[in-house]
């Protein structure tokens, strides 16, 4: 058994023979990526849709807002929405409705098919 001193226990950087350590880290993105992609709702601001359809919407932090759920009889705000992405969810144990975009929200609230909800959003907000 060998006893090592503190100086012998120091870790050395793991660099292979002949390889050079990177000079700097890759550049970071200064701004988040823009909302691009194939989503048909990318040009519609979800905050406008939620504000129009939920009259008691109260903004919270980090682009989230709370309201009474429109899908069941609710007296306390249990319906959370993300004003930037269009995500929504009811945290009530009796309801639990959830969705990932404003098209599904409008379709569920107004009783429209996905194609009808998209046409409604484009004619109203687009």
Protein backbone atom coordinates (compact mmCIF):
# COMPACT_ATOMS: atom_id res chain seq x y z
CA UNK A 1 0.00 0.00 0.00
CA UNK A 2 1.34 3.39 -0.99
CA UNK A 3 0.75 6.58 0.91
CA UNK A 4 0.30 9.68 -1.24
CA UNK A 5 1.03 13.19 -0.16
CA UNK A 6 -1.27 16.10 -0.93
CA UNK A 7 0.88 17.24 -3.83
CA UNK A 8 0.72 13.80 -5.41
CA UNK A 9 -3.09 13.71 -5.16
CA UNK A 10 -3.61 16.82 -7.25
CA UNK A 11 -5.51 16.09 -10.39
CA UNK A 12 -3.93 17.08 -13.65
CA UNK A 13 -5.99 18.16 -16.65
CA UNK A 14 -6.88 15.29 -18.93
CA UNK A 15 -5.17 16.24 -22.18
CA UNK A 16 -4.01 13.56 -24.56
CA UNK A 17 -0.54 13.60 -25.90
CA UNK A 18 -0.40 15.98 -28.84
CA UNK A 19 -3.94 17.33 -28.32
CA UNK A 20 -4.59 20.93 -27.43
CA UNK A 21 -7.16 22.11 -24.95
CA UNK A 22 -9.92 24.25 -26.44
CA UNK A 23 -9.09 27.96 -26.35
CA UNK A 24 -12.60 29.12 -25.51
CA UNK A 25 -16.13 27.87 -25.18
CA UNK A 26 -18.49 28.10 -28.15
CA UNK A 27 -20.32 31.43 -28.31
CA UNK A 28 -23.60 31.63 -26.42
CA UNK A 29 -26.79 32.85 -27.97
CA UNK A 30 -27.46 36.35 -26.73
CA UNK A 31 -31.20 36.17 -27.38
CA UNK A 32 -33.54 33.20 -27.24
CA UNK A 33 -34.50 31.66 -30.57
CA UNK A 34 -37.43 33.29 -32.27
CA UNK A 35 -40.79 31.57 -32.50
CA UNK A 36 -40.36 29.74 -35.74
CA UNK A 37 -41.47 26.37 -36.94
CA UNK A 38 -44.48 24.81 -38.52
CA UNK A 39 -47.04 25.84 -35.90
CA UNK A 40 -50.02 27.51 -37.56
CA UNK A 41 -50.39 29.78 -34.50
CA UNK A 42 -46.87 31.24 -34.46
CA UNK A 43 -48.05 34.69 -35.62
CA UNK A 44 -50.88 34.96 -33.08
CA UNK A 45 -50.04 36.33 -29.64
CA UNK A 46 -51.48 33.93 -27.01
CA UNK A 47 -51.79 36.75 -24.46
CA UNK A 48 -54.38 38.48 -26.67
CA UNK A 49 -56.44 35.29 -27.00
CA UNK A 50 -56.39 34.50 -23.28
CA UNK A 51 -57.15 38.11 -22.31
CA UNK A 52 -60.20 38.21 -24.60
CA UNK A 53 -61.62 34.83 -23.58
CA UNK A 54 -60.81 34.90 -19.84
CA UNK A 55 -62.16 38.13 -18.34
CA UNK A 56 -60.78 37.56 -14.81
CA UNK A 57 -57.21 36.80 -15.95
CA UNK A 58 -54.61 37.97 -13.42
CA UNK A 59 -50.98 38.05 -14.52
CA UNK A 60 -48.40 36.37 -12.32
CA UNK A 61 -44.65 35.98 -12.83
CA UNK A 62 -42.65 34.39 -15.66
CA UNK A 63 -45.33 34.90 -18.35
CA UNK A 64 -47.93 32.95 -16.38
CA UNK A 65 -51.44 34.09 -15.45
CA UNK A 66 -54.30 32.65 -13.40
CA UNK A 67 -58.07 32.73 -13.88
CA UNK A 68 -61.18 30.84 -12.86
CA UNK A 69 -61.51 27.78 -15.07
CA UNK A 70 -64.01 28.24 -17.91
CA UNK A 71 -64.54 24.47 -18.21
CA UNK A 72 -66.22 23.94 -14.83
CA UNK A 73 -67.92 25.93 -12.06
CA UNK A 74 -64.97 27.59 -10.35
CA UNK A 75 -64.85 30.24 -7.62
CA UNK A 76 -61.09 30.30 -6.99
CA UNK A 77 -58.49 30.77 -9.74
CA UNK A 78 -57.25 27.28 -10.61
CA UNK A 79 -56.69 27.74 -14.34
CA UNK A 80 -53.09 28.60 -15.26
CA UNK A 81 -51.97 29.81 -18.69
CA UNK A 82 -48.62 30.71 -20.20
CA UNK A 83 -49.03 34.00 -22.04
CA UNK A 84 -46.00 33.39 -24.26
CA UNK A 85 -46.41 29.78 -25.39
CA UNK A 86 -50.17 29.19 -25.15
CA UNK A 87 -49.89 26.31 -22.67
CA UNK A 88 -52.82 25.95 -20.24
CA UNK A 89 -53.92 23.69 -17.38
CA UNK A 90 -56.61 23.54 -14.74
CA UNK A 91 -55.22 22.44 -11.37
CA UNK A 92 -58.63 21.53 -9.95
CA UNK A 93 -58.98 17.88 -9.01
CA UNK A 94 -62.39 17.66 -10.66
CA UNK A 95 -61.42 19.13 -14.04
CA UNK A 96 -57.73 18.71 -14.93
CA UNK A 97 -58.07 20.02 -18.51
CA UNK A 98 -54.71 20.69 -20.16
CA UNK A 99 -53.40 21.72 -23.55
CA UNK A 100 -50.31 22.95 -25.31
CA UNK A 101 -51.50 25.67 -27.69
CA UNK A 102 -54.15 28.32 -28.22
CA UNK A 103 -55.85 26.32 -30.97
CA UNK A 104 -56.75 23.49 -28.63
CA UNK A 105 -57.90 26.01 -26.00
CA UNK A 106 -60.22 27.85 -28.40
CA UNK A 107 -61.50 24.56 -29.81
CA UNK A 108 -62.30 23.16 -26.38
CA UNK A 109 -63.83 26.38 -25.09
CA UNK A 110 -66.01 27.16 -28.11
CA UNK A 111 -66.69 23.55 -29.14
CA UNK A 112 -64.86 23.77 -32.48
CA UNK A 113 -62.88 21.22 -34.46
CA UNK A 114 -59.14 21.94 -34.88
CA UNK A 115 -59.68 23.28 -38.42
CA UNK A 116 -62.56 25.50 -37.30
CA UNK A 117 -60.54 26.76 -34.31
CA UNK A 118 -57.64 27.64 -36.61
CA UNK A 119 -59.95 29.54 -38.98
CA UNK A 120 -61.53 31.37 -36.04
CA UNK A 121 -58.12 32.40 -34.68
CA UNK A 122 -56.87 33.53 -38.10
CA UNK A 123 -59.99 35.60 -38.77
CA UNK A 124 -60.09 37.15 -35.28
CA UNK A 125 -56.39 37.60 -34.39
CA UNK A 126 -54.41 36.95 -37.54
